[in-house]
Every structure is written in structure tokens, then in C-alpha cells.
Amino acid sequence: MSSPARCLAWFALPATVAGLVLASSAPRGQPFRPPEYTVLRAATPPVIDGRLDEAAWFGAPDVGEFVFTWWKAGTREQTRLKLLWDDECLYLAALCQDAHITARHTERDGKIPEDDCLEVMLAPNAATPHVYFNIEFNVIGGILDNFRPNGPDKPRAPKWDAEGVRIAGSQVGTLNDDTDLDQSWQVEVAIPWKNFAAVMRDTPPRPGTVLHANFNRHGGRTNPQYSQWSPADTPKPSFHTPDRFGRITLSARPSPFATPATAP
């Protein structure tokens, strides 16, 4: 069995029948409650090779199903995403259901949003939740990154490039051929904490540190959809809504050891 196929077992992607997808917002009349996630510590850094087969990934929970805040029509393709951390990096692994995978751009700060892509938005200091970074990438390693030092309504930083970010991906299917049906693409990412040192309270962060974050998917040529971990509250698609970011807490607890053969 190929590595991407093995990963299906621990991500357990659901069917994309509309009726099986969770609601994209809180019931009418109820206050919004941001999603929360506890990031387990990686005793050994995962190898960034796009395979997602380290024991630590099997032991870590996923953040939960993405929601389709602005869905109108088409198949809602789900995402499974996990995080780990250590003193050097925040690590991300994601498996993205996708019947038509588009990935063409590799130039830095290029047209990554035209491809099927995944985006991390991170406010690394809970005391300044409107100061946030966004890093966007596709399955072939293209990256686009920005810094919003004054919130979503003010201009972004003139120039900000995250240093030392490592991205590796793979797919079950063929890239850029919409005449056939693909299955999924997956990425493994390491983001050094040093990129956020000017904003974070402590670098490296300490166990118990709370950060605000969101994870978003969009792009592609066939069946483009917008999905995200924490639902925005805008009538039209907009991911720059830091007031609606979820909360992630860095735990001192290590990811329990599990192997592909024993992982549920």
C-alpha cells in the first residue's frame, strides 16, 4: 500500500455527500464559540518528506472537519489536519480530499491561490490577536506568505518572507489533468518559530502558550471550494477575520507512540 493510501487510515476522510458535512456555523441565535485544539509535542521532529508516516502523526489528533462557510454548489471536499510542535518549529500535516488536483506554481509569492492550496493564518501572541501571519502553499512546494502587523483592515507589511519553512507533498492522482478523477493530496510542513519572534511573548514558546489560528483551503480549476477550520462571518469569502480564528494551545504532553499497524 502506498504511503498516501496508508495515511487515509489515520485521517479517515469522510464521504463528501452534502448531508454528511457538518454545519458551517453555530445555530442561529447562539453565540460563536471558536474551535480549540491542543498541539502535542513532538519528541522527535518529523521528517518533512510528504509521507506523514511518523509515529508522532499517528498519535496526534486532528483538528476536526473543515466547514464550508460560503458553500453554494458542488462537492464539498474535506480536509484532515494535524499539528505538532517542539522548540524549533510548528509542524503541520494535512490530507486534502480532491477529485481534480491543480498545482502549477512554485515561484515565491507567486500565483499560489490559483492552485489547490492550504493556508495557515497564525496570530502567535494571544494578547495581540489582530497581529497575524499567513503562509499559503500547494502540494508541489509553492509558497506565498504575508504579515499583517496592523490587522486585516490595514496594509500588509511591504515585504515579509518566512525563513526556513520546509514543505513536502504527494498526491493520489494526476496533477493538472481534470479529465480523470483523483483522490487526494497531502502536505507536511515545518515552520520555524523564529519567524514570529518579533511578535511572540517567548521564543521558543513554552508549554501552555495559546495562539490564535485558522486553516483554509481554496483554489483549483474544477470545483473550487472555500473551506476552513473556524468559520468566518463575512457574506463573501474572506479569510482575513482574526476575530473568528480558533485557539490552539501548546501542550507539554508528547504525542503517544503509535505505528501505522496499530493506529486506529
Protein backbone atom coordinates (compact mmCIF):
# COMPACT_ATOMS: atom_id res chain seq x y z
CA MET A 1 0.00 0.00 0.00
CA SER A 2 1.39 3.42 -0.90
CA SER A 3 2.17 5.94 1.83
CA PRO A 4 -0.71 8.28 0.86
CA ALA A 5 -3.10 5.34 0.99
CA ARG A 6 -1.85 4.33 4.46
CA CYS A 7 -2.47 7.84 5.70
CA LEU A 8 -6.16 7.52 4.84
CA ALA A 9 -6.50 5.19 7.81
CA TRP A 10 -5.47 7.74 10.40
CA PHE A 11 -7.19 10.74 8.76
CA ALA A 12 -10.41 8.83 7.98
CA LEU A 13 -11.67 11.26 5.36
CA PRO A 14 -15.48 11.14 5.22
CA ALA A 15 -17.67 10.81 2.17
CA THR A 16 -18.42 14.15 0.53
CA VAL A 17 -22.17 13.73 0.48
CA ALA A 18 -23.66 17.09 1.37
CA GLY A 19 -25.77 15.66 4.17
CA LEU A 20 -22.70 14.21 5.92
CA VAL A 21 -20.84 17.50 6.21
CA LEU A 22 -21.12 19.39 9.48
CA ALA A 23 -22.91 22.73 9.60
CA SER A 24 -20.68 25.68 8.74
CA SER A 25 -21.73 27.97 11.57
CA ALA A 26 -23.31 27.98 15.01
CA PRO A 27 -27.09 27.56 15.15
CA ARG A 28 -29.00 30.78 14.69
CA GLY A 29 -29.21 32.79 17.91
CA GLN A 30 -26.31 31.06 19.64
CA PRO A 31 -23.02 32.93 20.28
CA PHE A 32 -20.00 31.97 18.24
CA ARG A 33 -17.54 29.71 20.02
CA PRO A 34 -14.17 29.35 18.29
CA PRO A 35 -12.85 25.82 17.88
CA GLU A 36 -10.00 24.76 20.13
CA TYR A 37 -7.13 22.33 19.63
CA THR A 38 -4.29 21.06 21.82
CA VAL A 39 -0.97 20.68 20.00
CA LEU A 40 1.05 17.73 21.28
CA ARG A 41 4.81 17.91 21.50
CA ALA A 42 7.00 16.02 19.04
CA ALA A 43 9.65 14.06 20.94
CA THR A 44 11.48 13.66 17.62
CA PRO A 45 10.99 16.13 14.75
CA PRO A 46 9.01 14.57 11.89
CA VAL A 47 10.87 14.08 8.65
CA ILE A 48 9.43 16.57 6.16
CA ASP A 49 9.03 14.29 3.17
CA GLY A 50 5.29 14.45 2.48
CA ARG A 51 4.70 10.86 3.58
CA LEU A 52 3.09 11.53 7.02
CA ASP A 53 4.17 8.13 8.29
CA GLU A 54 5.98 9.07 11.52
CA ALA A 55 4.63 7.56 14.73
CA ALA A 56 4.01 11.04 16.18
CA TRP A 57 1.47 11.82 13.46
CA PHE A 58 -0.44 8.63 14.15
CA GLY A 59 -0.62 9.53 17.83
CA ALA A 60 -1.79 13.12 17.31
CA PRO A 61 -5.50 14.00 16.96
CA ASP A 62 -6.76 16.01 14.00
CA VAL A 63 -8.35 19.44 14.38
CA GLY A 64 -11.77 18.25 13.20
CA GLU A 65 -13.71 18.66 10.00
CA PHE A 66 -13.38 21.83 7.94
CA VAL A 67 -16.56 23.81 7.32
CA PHE A 68 -17.81 25.28 4.04
CA THR A 69 -18.83 28.75 5.14
CA TRP A 70 -19.79 30.06 1.69
CA TRP A 71 -20.91 26.85 0.00
CA LYS A 72 -23.37 27.25 -2.87
CA ALA A 73 -22.93 24.22 -5.12
CA GLY A 74 -20.54 21.40 -5.92
CA THR A 75 -18.87 18.63 -3.94
CA ARG A 76 -17.55 19.61 -0.53
CA GLU A 77 -14.11 18.02 -0.32
CA GLN A 78 -12.97 17.50 3.26
CA THR A 79 -9.61 18.11 4.92
CA ARG A 80 -7.87 16.36 7.80
CA LEU A 81 -5.13 18.38 9.52
CA LYS A 82 -2.83 17.70 12.47
CA LEU A 83 -0.25 19.78 14.32
CA LEU A 84 2.82 19.05 16.42
CA TRP A 85 5.45 21.33 17.94
CA ASP A 86 8.90 21.46 19.52
CA ASP A 87 11.34 24.21 20.45
CA GLU A 88 12.30 24.75 16.81
CA CYS A 89 9.11 24.53 14.74
CA LEU A 90 5.39 24.24 14.42
CA TYR A 91 4.68 21.15 12.30
CA LEU A 92 1.62 20.58 10.13
CA ALA A 93 0.34 17.53 8.28
CA ALA A 94 -2.76 17.66 6.10
CA LEU A 95 -4.63 15.29 3.84
CA CYS A 96 -6.90 17.08 1.37
CA GLN A 97 -9.66 15.27 -0.49
CA ASP A 98 -9.62 16.44 -4.10
CA ALA A 99 -11.00 14.87 -7.27
CA HIS A 100 -9.19 17.35 -9.55
CA ILE A 101 -5.79 18.43 -8.24
CA THR A 102 -4.27 21.61 -9.66
CA ALA A 103 -0.69 22.61 -8.81
CA ARG A 104 1.42 24.63 -11.24
CA HIS A 105 3.15 27.44 -9.34
CA THR A 106 6.43 27.17 -7.43
CA GLU A 107 7.71 30.76 -7.55
CA ARG A 108 7.92 32.53 -4.17
CA ASP A 109 4.85 34.73 -3.57
CA GLY A 110 3.52 33.67 -6.97
CA LYS A 111 0.01 32.73 -8.03
CA ILE A 112 -0.38 30.03 -5.40
CA PRO A 113 -4.09 30.90 -4.85
CA GLU A 114 -4.80 29.72 -8.40
CA ASP A 115 -3.75 26.20 -7.36
CA ASP A 116 -5.39 23.88 -4.89
CA CYS A 117 -3.76 25.24 -1.76
CA LEU A 118 -3.80 25.25 2.02
CA GLU A 119 -3.26 28.33 4.16
CA VAL A 120 -2.15 28.78 7.76
CA MET A 121 -3.12 32.00 9.49
CA LEU A 122 -1.39 32.47 12.83
CA ALA A 123 -1.60 35.18 15.50
CA PRO A 124 1.31 33.97 17.66
CA ASN A 125 0.57 36.22 20.65
CA ALA A 126 -2.89 35.89 22.19
CA ALA A 127 -2.50 39.39 23.65
CA THR A 128 -2.38 40.88 20.14
CA PRO A 129 -4.87 38.74 18.17
CA HIS A 130 -5.06 41.14 15.21
CA VAL A 131 -1.33 40.85 14.53
CA TYR A 132 -1.06 37.77 12.36
CA PHE A 133 0.86 35.99 9.65
CA ASN A 134 -0.40 33.89 6.74
CA ILE A 135 1.53 31.21 4.92
CA GLU A 136 -0.05 29.54 1.89
CA PHE A 137 1.29 26.52 -0.01
CA ASN A 138 0.43 23.89 -2.60
CA VAL A 139 1.40 20.23 -3.00
CA ILE A 140 4.49 20.97 -5.11
CA GLY A 141 6.07 23.33 -2.58
CA GLY A 142 4.95 26.72 -3.87
CA ILE A 143 4.68 29.25 -1.03
CA LEU A 144 3.12 32.67 -0.55
CA ASP A 145 3.48 34.46 2.79
CA ASN A 146 2.45 37.77 4.31
CA PHE A 147 2.45 39.63 7.61
CA ARG A 148 -0.38 41.84 8.88
CA PRO A 149 1.18 43.96 11.67
CA ASN A 150 -1.88 46.21 11.98
CA GLY A 151 -4.78 43.86 11.42
CA PRO A 152 -6.86 42.94 8.38
CA ASP A 153 -8.04 46.46 7.57
CA LYS A 154 -4.57 47.98 7.22
CA PRO A 155 -1.95 47.32 4.54
CA ARG A 156 0.20 44.23 4.93
CA ALA A 157 3.92 44.53 5.60
CA PRO A 158 5.78 45.75 2.48
CA LYS A 159 7.93 42.62 2.48
CA TRP A 160 7.93 39.56 4.70
CA ASP A 161 9.30 36.16 3.80
CA ALA A 162 9.31 33.38 6.35
CA GLU A 163 12.74 31.77 6.64
CA GLY A 164 13.45 28.08 6.83
CA VAL A 165 9.94 26.85 6.01
CA ARG A 166 10.07 23.29 4.68
CA ILE A 167 7.24 21.84 2.59
CA ALA A 168 6.89 18.41 1.01
CA GLY A 169 3.84 16.91 -0.66
CA SER A 170 2.47 13.97 -2.58
CA GLN A 171 -0.81 13.03 -4.21
CA VAL A 172 -3.01 10.10 -5.15
CA GLY A 173 -3.91 11.10 -8.67
CA THR A 174 -2.52 13.13 -11.54
CA LEU A 175 -1.72 16.81 -11.36
CA ASN A 176 -3.35 19.28 -13.74
CA ASP A 177 -5.44 16.72 -15.64
CA ASP A 178 -9.12 17.30 -14.99
CA THR A 179 -10.21 14.60 -17.43
CA ASP A 180 -9.73 11.92 -14.75
CA LEU A 181 -10.66 11.59 -11.08
CA ASP A 182 -8.04 12.00 -8.37
CA GLN A 183 -8.31 11.02 -4.72
CA SER A 184 -6.31 13.39 -2.51
CA TRP A 185 -3.15 15.39 -1.95
CA GLN A 186 -1.16 15.76 1.22
CA VAL A 187 1.47 18.09 2.63
CA GLU A 188 3.90 18.08 5.52
CA VAL A 189 5.23 21.44 6.69
CA ALA A 190 7.72 22.75 9.27
CA ILE A 191 7.53 26.45 10.20
CA PRO A 192 10.35 27.74 12.47
CA TRP A 193 9.20 29.75 15.47
CA LYS A 194 11.99 32.27 14.86
CA ASN A 195 9.84 33.80 12.12
CA PHE A 196 7.43 35.07 14.76
CA ALA A 197 9.98 36.19 17.36
CA ALA A 198 9.12 39.90 16.97
CA VAL A 199 5.53 39.17 18.00
CA MET A 200 5.65 36.14 20.29
CA ARG A 201 5.95 36.51 24.04
CA ASP A 202 8.58 33.77 24.25
CA THR A 203 10.74 32.24 21.52
CA PRO A 204 10.78 29.31 21.66
CA PRO A 205 7.29 29.19 23.12
CA ARG A 206 6.57 27.49 26.43
CA PRO A 207 4.07 24.73 27.14
CA GLY A 208 0.70 26.29 27.83
CA THR A 209 1.17 29.03 25.23
CA VAL A 210 -2.09 29.93 23.47
CA LEU A 211 -2.09 31.09 19.85
CA HIS A 212 -4.94 32.11 17.57
CA ALA A 213 -5.06 30.36 14.21
CA ASN A 214 -7.12 29.35 11.24
CA PHE A 215 -6.59 26.90 8.40
CA ASN A 216 -8.13 27.49 4.99
CA ARG A 217 -8.41 25.70 1.65
CA HIS A 218 -9.28 27.12 -1.75
CA GLY A 219 -8.19 27.29 -5.38
CA GLY A 220 -8.09 24.83 -8.22
CA ARG A 221 -9.74 24.89 -11.63
CA THR A 222 -12.52 22.32 -11.27
CA ASN A 223 -14.97 22.52 -8.35
CA PRO A 224 -13.17 25.31 -6.48
CA GLN A 225 -14.44 25.45 -2.91
CA TYR A 226 -13.71 27.58 0.14
CA SER A 227 -13.35 25.68 3.39
CA GLN A 228 -11.82 26.47 6.75
CA TRP A 229 -11.36 25.21 10.29
CA SER A 230 -13.08 28.12 12.03
CA PRO A 231 -15.95 29.73 10.11
CA ALA A 232 -15.69 33.40 9.16
CA ASP A 233 -18.66 35.73 9.47
CA THR A 234 -18.47 37.58 6.15
CA PRO A 235 -21.14 37.41 3.41
CA LYS A 236 -18.46 36.88 0.76
CA PRO A 237 -15.33 34.74 1.03
CA SER A 238 -12.69 36.36 3.23
CA PHE A 239 -10.13 34.55 5.35
CA HIS A 240 -8.80 37.70 6.99
CA THR A 241 -11.10 37.57 10.00
CA PRO A 242 -8.84 37.26 13.08
CA ASP A 243 -11.77 37.74 15.44
CA ARG A 244 -13.01 34.35 14.24
CA PHE A 245 -9.74 32.43 14.48
CA GLY A 246 -9.69 29.26 16.56
CA ARG A 247 -7.49 28.72 19.61
CA ILE A 248 -4.55 26.33 19.76
CA THR A 249 -2.66 25.50 22.95
CA LEU A 250 0.87 24.08 23.00
CA SER A 251 0.97 21.11 25.35
CA ALA A 252 3.92 19.63 27.20
CA ARG A 253 2.39 16.19 26.61
CA PRO A 254 4.16 14.24 23.86
CA SER A 255 2.32 12.53 21.08
CA PRO A 256 1.77 8.93 22.19
CA PHE A 257 3.72 6.35 20.28
CA ALA A 258 1.71 4.62 17.57
CA THR A 259 2.62 2.82 14.39
CA PRO A 260 0.70 2.52 11.13
CA ALA A 261 -0.16 -1.06 12.09
CA THR A 262 -1.69 -0.14 15.45
CA ALA A 263 -3.12 3.34 14.86
CA PRO A 264 -6.94 3.48 14.92
